[in-house]
Amino acid sequence: MHIPDGFINVATAAVTYAGSGAAVAYAVKRTNKELGEKEVPFLGVMAAFIFAAQMLNFPVAGGTSGHLLGGALAAILLGPWSAMLALTAVLVVQALAFQDGGIIALGANVFNMAVVGVLVGYFTYVGVRRLFRESNTATFAGAIVASWLSVVVASGFAALELAISGTSPLGVALPAMLSVHALIGIGEAIITVAVLSFLMATRPDLLQLHARKSEV
């Protein structure tokens, strides 16, 4: 899903940089208030896990790539604002050290994956859990829907940015991105549920972190 340089125009890059910057600045403010000392190492572990998961890339038409996102899982365990920072850090390192995604396009990549992906995943998860009265079944159902939807919606934004920039017509970019990421979303949902199942059996306290961050 990383967009390389040269695939979005200057106006789109500027708008997405501004949107990402504002969102990340707010996330920093909220994280400074909410993140406890004991949670800082877990934030680092989650960022490392997401970094490794995003190294599994799948080619997509138009020169872009698709991969597991990790935004929903991070949001479930860390809350939306810490998760946003974790994803942003991963994307910055990937762009600067591994040329995975362009520098000019970094604002768009952060917006799609760290902002849209995280927020869609978080609010979907919270909504499904509340609908099913926050049972264990609701936790897994929410994780499945949130993981899949976060990947698909984020890919849709990437396709829209390519279309606005004149790189690929929306009728080509959108079906290509959505069809591939609909499948990737299934894989992400499986991994998310597997991780949550493991934590539920070994560290159920970690699954309660989001409860302290539900006021957005």
C-alpha atoms as a PDB file:
ATOM      1  CA  MET A   1       0.000   0.000   0.000  1.00  0.00           C
ATOM      2  CA  HIS A   2       3.034   2.291   0.216  1.00  0.00           C
ATOM      3  CA  ILE A   3       2.833   4.984  -2.453  1.00  0.00           C
ATOM      4  CA  PRO A   4       6.243   5.776  -4.023  1.00  0.00           C
ATOM      5  CA  ASP A   5       7.381   9.274  -4.970  1.00  0.00           C
ATOM      6  CA  GLY A   6       6.188  10.398  -8.377  1.00  0.00           C
ATOM      7  CA  PHE A   7       2.764   8.786  -8.040  1.00  0.00           C
ATOM      8  CA  ILE A   8       0.949  11.688  -6.365  1.00  0.00           C
ATOM      9  CA  ASN A   9       1.075  15.343  -7.336  1.00  0.00           C
ATOM     10  CA  VAL A  10       2.385  18.190  -5.195  1.00  0.00           C
ATOM     11  CA  ALA A  11      -1.068  19.401  -4.153  1.00  0.00           C
ATOM     12  CA  THR A  12      -2.132  15.959  -2.936  1.00  0.00           C
ATOM     13  CA  ALA A  13       1.180  15.506  -1.130  1.00  0.00           C
ATOM     14  CA  ALA A  14       0.800  18.892   0.587  1.00  0.00           C
ATOM     15  CA  VAL A  15      -2.789  18.268   1.696  1.00  0.00           C
ATOM     16  CA  THR A  16      -2.010  14.808   3.068  1.00  0.00           C
ATOM     17  CA  TYR A  17       1.112  16.091   4.841  1.00  0.00           C
ATOM     18  CA  ALA A  18      -0.999  18.780   6.502  1.00  0.00           C
ATOM     19  CA  GLY A  19      -3.701  16.315   7.509  1.00  0.00           C
ATOM     20  CA  SER A  20      -1.196  13.781   8.799  1.00  0.00           C
ATOM     21  CA  GLY A  21       0.762  16.443  10.669  1.00  0.00           C
ATOM     22  CA  ALA A  22      -2.326  17.721  12.448  1.00  0.00           C
ATOM     23  CA  ALA A  23      -3.458  14.205  13.371  1.00  0.00           C
ATOM     24  CA  VAL A  24      -0.030  13.141  14.637  1.00  0.00           C
ATOM     25  CA  ALA A  25       0.380  16.359  16.631  1.00  0.00           C
ATOM     26  CA  TYR A  26      -2.934  15.679  18.353  1.00  0.00           C
ATOM     27  CA  ALA A  27      -1.910  12.055  18.911  1.00  0.00           C
ATOM     28  CA  VAL A  28       1.303  13.212  20.605  1.00  0.00           C
ATOM     29  CA  LYS A  29      -0.709  15.493  22.893  1.00  0.00           C
ATOM     30  CA  ARG A  30      -3.144  12.734  23.855  1.00  0.00           C
ATOM     31  CA  THR A  31      -0.434  10.093  24.259  1.00  0.00           C
ATOM     32  CA  ASN A  32       1.562  12.320  26.596  1.00  0.00           C
ATOM     33  CA  LYS A  33      -1.494  12.491  28.846  1.00  0.00           C
ATOM     34  CA  GLU A  34      -2.582   8.860  28.609  1.00  0.00           C
ATOM     35  CA  LEU A  35       0.491   6.666  28.227  1.00  0.00           C
ATOM     36  CA  GLY A  36       1.917   5.341  31.486  1.00  0.00           C
ATOM     37  CA  GLU A  37       5.534   4.341  32.062  1.00  0.00           C
ATOM     38  CA  LYS A  38       4.653   0.653  32.101  1.00  0.00           C
ATOM     39  CA  GLU A  39       3.014   0.940  28.690  1.00  0.00           C
ATOM     40  CA  VAL A  40       5.988   2.548  26.912  1.00  0.00           C
ATOM     41  CA  PRO A  41       7.882  -0.746  26.365  1.00  0.00           C
ATOM     42  CA  PHE A  42       4.710  -2.338  25.021  1.00  0.00           C
ATOM     43  CA  LEU A  43       4.373   0.531  22.553  1.00  0.00           C
ATOM     44  CA  GLY A  44       7.880  -0.251  21.300  1.00  0.00           C
ATOM     45  CA  VAL A  45       7.119  -3.958  21.024  1.00  0.00           C
ATOM     46  CA  MET A  46       3.975  -3.236  19.014  1.00  0.00           C
ATOM     47  CA  ALA A  47       5.872  -0.931  16.663  1.00  0.00           C
ATOM     48  CA  ALA A  48       8.489  -3.637  16.089  1.00  0.00           C
ATOM     49  CA  PHE A  49       5.809  -6.258  15.433  1.00  0.00           C
ATOM     50  CA  ILE A  50       4.026  -4.010  12.935  1.00  0.00           C
ATOM     51  CA  PHE A  51       7.317  -3.204  11.218  1.00  0.00           C
ATOM     52  CA  ALA A  52       8.010  -6.916  10.737  1.00  0.00           C
ATOM     53  CA  ALA A  53       4.448  -7.620   9.566  1.00  0.00           C
ATOM     54  CA  GLN A  54       4.604  -4.851   6.968  1.00  0.00           C
ATOM     55  CA  MET A  55       7.710  -6.375   5.413  1.00  0.00           C
ATOM     56  CA  LEU A  56       5.407  -8.987   3.813  1.00  0.00           C
ATOM     57  CA  ASN A  57       4.509  -7.182   0.582  1.00  0.00           C
ATOM     58  CA  PHE A  58       2.112  -8.134  -2.193  1.00  0.00           C
ATOM     59  CA  PRO A  59       2.406  -6.370  -5.607  1.00  0.00           C
ATOM     60  CA  VAL A  60      -0.579  -4.293  -6.714  1.00  0.00           C
ATOM     61  CA  ALA A  61      -1.282  -2.713 -10.095  1.00  0.00           C
ATOM     62  CA  GLY A  62       0.007   0.812 -10.721  1.00  0.00           C
ATOM     63  CA  GLY A  63       3.380   0.413  -9.039  1.00  0.00           C
ATOM     64  CA  THR A  64       2.106   0.250  -5.460  1.00  0.00           C
ATOM     65  CA  SER A  65       2.359  -2.604  -2.986  1.00  0.00           C
ATOM     66  CA  GLY A  66      -0.005  -4.163  -0.477  1.00  0.00           C
ATOM     67  CA  HIS A  67       0.794  -5.652   2.902  1.00  0.00           C
ATOM     68  CA  LEU A  68      -0.543  -6.303   6.356  1.00  0.00           C
ATOM     69  CA  LEU A  69      -1.339  -3.036   8.109  1.00  0.00           C
ATOM     70  CA  GLY A  70      -1.495  -3.716  11.859  1.00  0.00           C
ATOM     71  CA  GLY A  71      -3.423  -0.555  12.644  1.00  0.00           C
ATOM     72  CA  ALA A  72      -6.466  -2.265  14.116  1.00  0.00           C
ATOM     73  CA  LEU A  73      -4.395  -4.531  16.355  1.00  0.00           C
ATOM     74  CA  ALA A  74      -2.332  -1.601  17.618  1.00  0.00           C
ATOM     75  CA  ALA A  75      -5.465   0.466  18.251  1.00  0.00           C
ATOM     76  CA  ILE A  76      -7.144  -2.372  20.148  1.00  0.00           C
ATOM     77  CA  LEU A  77      -4.152  -2.823  22.452  1.00  0.00           C
ATOM     78  CA  LEU A  78      -2.814   0.729  22.732  1.00  0.00           C
ATOM     79  CA  GLY A  79      -5.756   2.998  21.981  1.00  0.00           C
ATOM     80  CA  PRO A  80      -5.982   5.104  18.809  1.00  0.00           C
ATOM     81  CA  TRP A  81      -3.475   7.819  19.618  1.00  0.00           C
ATOM     82  CA  SER A  82      -0.567   5.648  20.731  1.00  0.00           C
ATOM     83  CA  ALA A  83      -1.315   3.326  17.825  1.00  0.00           C
ATOM     84  CA  MET A  84      -1.180   6.260  15.430  1.00  0.00           C
ATOM     85  CA  LEU A  85       2.267   7.199  16.700  1.00  0.00           C
ATOM     86  CA  ALA A  86       3.498   3.608  16.459  1.00  0.00           C
ATOM     87  CA  LEU A  87       2.349   3.320  12.831  1.00  0.00           C
ATOM     88  CA  THR A  88       3.817   6.718  11.981  1.00  0.00           C
ATOM     89  CA  ALA A  89       7.205   5.759  13.420  1.00  0.00           C
ATOM     90  CA  VAL A  90       7.193   2.542  11.398  1.00  0.00           C
ATOM     91  CA  LEU A  91       6.326   4.368   8.172  1.00  0.00           C
ATOM     92  CA  VAL A  92       8.996   7.033   8.709  1.00  0.00           C
ATOM     93  CA  VAL A  93      11.701   4.404   9.288  1.00  0.00           C
ATOM     94  CA  GLN A  94      10.560   2.441   6.249  1.00  0.00           C
ATOM     95  CA  ALA A  95      10.665   5.530   4.024  1.00  0.00           C
ATOM     96  CA  LEU A  96      14.008   6.879   5.259  1.00  0.00           C
ATOM     97  CA  ALA A  97      15.965   3.649   5.757  1.00  0.00           C
ATOM     98  CA  PHE A  98      14.388   1.195   3.330  1.00  0.00           C
ATOM     99  CA  GLN A  99      12.886   3.433   0.606  1.00  0.00           C
ATOM    100  CA  ASP A 100       9.564   1.669   1.166  1.00  0.00           C
ATOM    101  CA  GLY A 101       7.270   4.519   0.216  1.00  0.00           C
ATOM    102  CA  GLY A 102       8.467   7.911  -0.939  1.00  0.00           C
ATOM    103  CA  ILE A 103       9.525  10.918   1.121  1.00  0.00           C
ATOM    104  CA  ILE A 104       7.214  13.270  -0.773  1.00  0.00           C
ATOM    105  CA  ALA A 105       4.449  10.679  -0.499  1.00  0.00           C
ATOM    106  CA  LEU A 106       5.124  10.063   3.203  1.00  0.00           C
ATOM    107  CA  GLY A 107       2.265  12.334   4.246  1.00  0.00           C
ATOM    108  CA  ALA A 108      -0.153  10.314   2.134  1.00  0.00           C
ATOM    109  CA  ASN A 109       1.145   7.004   3.451  1.00  0.00           C
ATOM    110  CA  VAL A 110       0.898   8.182   7.051  1.00  0.00           C
ATOM    111  CA  PHE A 111      -2.579   9.537   6.431  1.00  0.00           C
ATOM    112  CA  ASN A 112      -3.817   6.307   4.816  1.00  0.00           C
ATOM    113  CA  MET A 113      -2.281   3.783   7.186  1.00  0.00           C
ATOM    114  CA  ALA A 114      -1.539   5.534  10.478  1.00  0.00           C
ATOM    115  CA  VAL A 115      -4.521   7.899  10.565  1.00  0.00           C
ATOM    116  CA  VAL A 116      -7.344   6.376   8.521  1.00  0.00           C
ATOM    117  CA  GLY A 117      -6.369   2.753   9.152  1.00  0.00           C
ATOM    118  CA  VAL A 118      -6.024   3.211  12.903  1.00  0.00           C
ATOM    119  CA  LEU A 119      -9.160   5.307  13.427  1.00  0.00           C
ATOM    120  CA  VAL A 120     -11.368   3.104  11.254  1.00  0.00           C
ATOM    121  CA  GLY A 121     -10.055   0.021  13.033  1.00  0.00           C
ATOM    122  CA  TYR A 122     -10.495   1.517  16.497  1.00  0.00           C
ATOM    123  CA  PHE A 123     -14.009   2.899  16.108  1.00  0.00           C
ATOM    124  CA  THR A 124     -15.190  -0.243  14.324  1.00  0.00           C
ATOM    125  CA  TYR A 125     -13.812  -2.425  17.112  1.00  0.00           C
ATOM    126  CA  VAL A 126     -15.350  -0.300  19.865  1.00  0.00           C
ATOM    127  CA  GLY A 127     -18.692  -0.143  18.043  1.00  0.00           C
ATOM    128  CA  VAL A 128     -18.943  -3.902  17.508  1.00  0.00           C
ATOM    129  CA  ARG A 129     -17.974  -4.649  21.128  1.00  0.00           C
ATOM    130  CA  ARG A 130     -20.592  -2.273  22.463  1.00  0.00           C
ATOM    131  CA  LEU A 131     -23.183  -3.752  20.132  1.00  0.00           C
ATOM    132  CA  PHE A 132     -22.510  -7.225  21.548  1.00  0.00           C
ATOM    133  CA  ARG A 133     -22.105  -6.013  25.149  1.00  0.00           C
ATOM    134  CA  GLU A 134     -18.317  -6.421  25.306  1.00  0.00           C
ATOM    135  CA  SER A 135     -18.221 -10.209  25.649  1.00  0.00           C
ATOM    136  CA  ASN A 136     -15.294 -12.371  24.515  1.00  0.00           C
ATOM    137  CA  THR A 137     -17.242 -13.145  21.362  1.00  0.00           C
ATOM    138  CA  ALA A 138     -17.641  -9.423  20.780  1.00  0.00           C
ATOM    139  CA  THR A 139     -13.898  -8.935  21.190  1.00  0.00           C
ATOM    140  CA  PHE A 140     -13.116 -11.402  18.418  1.00  0.00           C
ATOM    141  CA  ALA A 141     -15.979 -10.253  16.188  1.00  0.00           C
ATOM    142  CA  GLY A 142     -14.898  -6.647  16.602  1.00  0.00           C
ATOM    143  CA  ALA A 143     -11.272  -7.526  15.865  1.00  0.00           C
ATOM    144  CA  ILE A 144     -12.221  -9.371  12.673  1.00  0.00           C
ATOM    145  CA  VAL A 145     -14.417  -6.617  11.295  1.00  0.00           C
ATOM    146  CA  ALA A 146     -12.048  -3.837  12.395  1.00  0.00           C
ATOM    147  CA  SER A 147      -8.961  -5.493  10.898  1.00  0.00           C
ATOM    148  CA  TRP A 148     -10.597  -6.160   7.553  1.00  0.00           C
ATOM    149  CA  LEU A 149     -12.292  -2.780   7.256  1.00  0.00           C
ATOM    150  CA  SER A 150      -9.212  -0.779   8.299  1.00  0.00           C
ATOM    151  CA  VAL A 151      -7.151  -2.342   5.513  1.00  0.00           C
ATOM    152  CA  VAL A 152      -9.837  -1.954   2.851  1.00  0.00           C
ATOM    153  CA  VAL A 153     -10.699   1.666   3.705  1.00  0.00           C
ATOM    154  CA  ALA A 154      -7.025   2.680   3.871  1.00  0.00           C
ATOM    155  CA  SER A 155      -6.429   1.131   0.439  1.00  0.00           C
ATOM    156  CA  GLY A 156      -9.436   3.016  -0.901  1.00  0.00           C
ATOM    157  CA  PHE A 157      -7.912   6.315   0.218  1.00  0.00           C
ATOM    158  CA  ALA A 158      -4.660   5.391  -1.523  1.00  0.00           C
ATOM    159  CA  ALA A 159      -6.549   4.677  -4.741  1.00  0.00           C
ATOM    160  CA  LEU A 160      -8.384   8.002  -4.432  1.00  0.00           C
ATOM    161  CA  GLU A 161      -5.099   9.894  -4.035  1.00  0.00           C
ATOM    162  CA  LEU A 162      -3.654   8.200  -7.121  1.00  0.00           C
ATOM    163  CA  ALA A 163      -6.758   9.114  -9.083  1.00  0.00           C
ATOM    164  CA  ILE A 164      -6.752  12.751  -7.921  1.00  0.00           C
ATOM    165  CA  SER A 165      -3.088  12.990  -8.911  1.00  0.00           C
ATOM    166  CA  GLY A 166      -3.857  11.680 -12.402  1.00  0.00           C
ATOM    167  CA  THR A 167      -1.638   8.627 -11.959  1.00  0.00           C
ATOM    168  CA  SER A 168      -4.352   6.052 -12.489  1.00  0.00           C
ATOM    169  CA  PRO A 169      -8.080   6.452 -13.228  1.00  0.00           C
ATOM    170  CA  LEU A 170     -10.281   5.802 -10.216  1.00  0.00           C
ATOM    171  CA  GLY A 171     -12.083   3.085 -12.173  1.00  0.00           C
ATOM    172  CA  VAL A 172      -8.765   1.225 -12.459  1.00  0.00           C
ATOM    173  CA  ALA A 173      -7.011   2.045  -9.188  1.00  0.00           C
ATOM    174  CA  LEU A 174      -9.976   1.552  -6.846  1.00  0.00           C
ATOM    175  CA  PRO A 175     -11.022  -1.960  -7.959  1.00  0.00           C
ATOM    176  CA  ALA A 176      -7.363  -3.066  -8.076  1.00  0.00           C
ATOM    177  CA  MET A 177      -6.587  -1.817  -4.585  1.00  0.00           C
ATOM    178  CA  LEU A 178      -9.849  -2.934  -2.994  1.00  0.00           C
ATOM    179  CA  SER A 179      -9.829  -6.419  -4.481  1.00  0.00           C
ATOM    180  CA  VAL A 180      -6.278  -7.178  -3.353  1.00  0.00           C
ATOM    181  CA  HIS A 181      -6.673  -5.619   0.074  1.00  0.00           C
ATOM    182  CA  ALA A 182      -9.993  -7.361   0.663  1.00  0.00           C
ATOM    183  CA  LEU A 183      -7.958 -10.573   0.625  1.00  0.00           C
ATOM    184  CA  ILE A 184      -5.113  -9.060   2.631  1.00  0.00           C
ATOM    185  CA  GLY A 185      -7.708  -7.894   5.166  1.00  0.00           C
ATOM    186  CA  ILE A 186      -8.757 -11.489   5.735  1.00  0.00           C
ATOM    187  CA  GLY A 187      -5.161 -12.424   6.513  1.00  0.00           C
ATOM    188  CA  GLU A 188      -4.849  -9.437   8.826  1.00  0.00           C
ATOM    189  CA  ALA A 189      -8.033 -10.440  10.650  1.00  0.00           C
ATOM    190  CA  ILE A 190      -6.669 -13.952  11.190  1.00  0.00           C
ATOM    191  CA  ILE A 191      -3.384 -12.634  12.570  1.00  0.00           C
ATOM    192  CA  THR A 192      -5.169 -10.094  14.795  1.00  0.00           C
ATOM    193  CA  VAL A 193      -7.455 -12.745  16.283  1.00  0.00           C
ATOM    194  CA  ALA A 194      -4.488 -15.076  16.806  1.00  0.00           C
ATOM    195  CA  VAL A 195      -2.576 -12.389  18.697  1.00  0.00           C
ATOM    196  CA  LEU A 196      -5.609 -11.457  20.798  1.00  0.00           C
ATOM    197  CA  SER A 197      -6.294 -15.119  21.584  1.00  0.00           C
ATOM    198  CA  PHE A 198      -2.732 -15.554  22.766  1.00  0.00           C
ATOM    199  CA  LEU A 199      -2.885 -12.423  24.920  1.00  0.00           C
ATOM    200  CA  MET A 200      -6.269 -13.377  26.317  1.00  0.00           C
ATOM    201  CA  ALA A 201      -4.758 -16.657  27.518  1.00  0.00           C
ATOM    202  CA  THR A 202      -1.467 -15.235  28.816  1.00  0.00           C
ATOM    203  CA  ARG A 203      -1.861 -11.470  29.472  1.00  0.00           C
ATOM    204  CA  PRO A 204      -5.564 -10.548  29.645  1.00  0.00           C
ATOM    205  CA  ASP A 205      -4.624  -7.282  31.332  1.00  0.00           C
ATOM    206  CA  LEU A 206      -3.237  -6.004  28.036  1.00  0.00           C
ATOM    207  CA  LEU A 207      -6.656  -6.317  26.445  1.00  0.00           C
ATOM    208  CA  GLN A 208      -7.987  -3.814  28.971  1.00  0.00           C
ATOM    209  CA  LEU A 209      -5.635  -1.031  27.916  1.00  0.00           C
ATOM    210  CA  HIS A 210      -8.073   0.232  25.305  1.00  0.00           C
ATOM    211  CA  ALA A 211     -10.756   0.689  27.957  1.00  0.00           C
ATOM    212  CA  ARG A 212      -8.752   3.504  29.512  1.00  0.00           C
ATOM    213  CA  LYS A 213      -8.502   5.182  26.122  1.00  0.00           C
ATOM    214  CA  SER A 214     -12.081   4.876  24.937  1.00  0.00           C
ATOM    215  CA  GLU A 215     -12.788   8.567  25.405  1.00  0.00           C
ATOM    216  CA  VAL A 216     -11.652  10.027  22.075  1.00  0.00           C
END
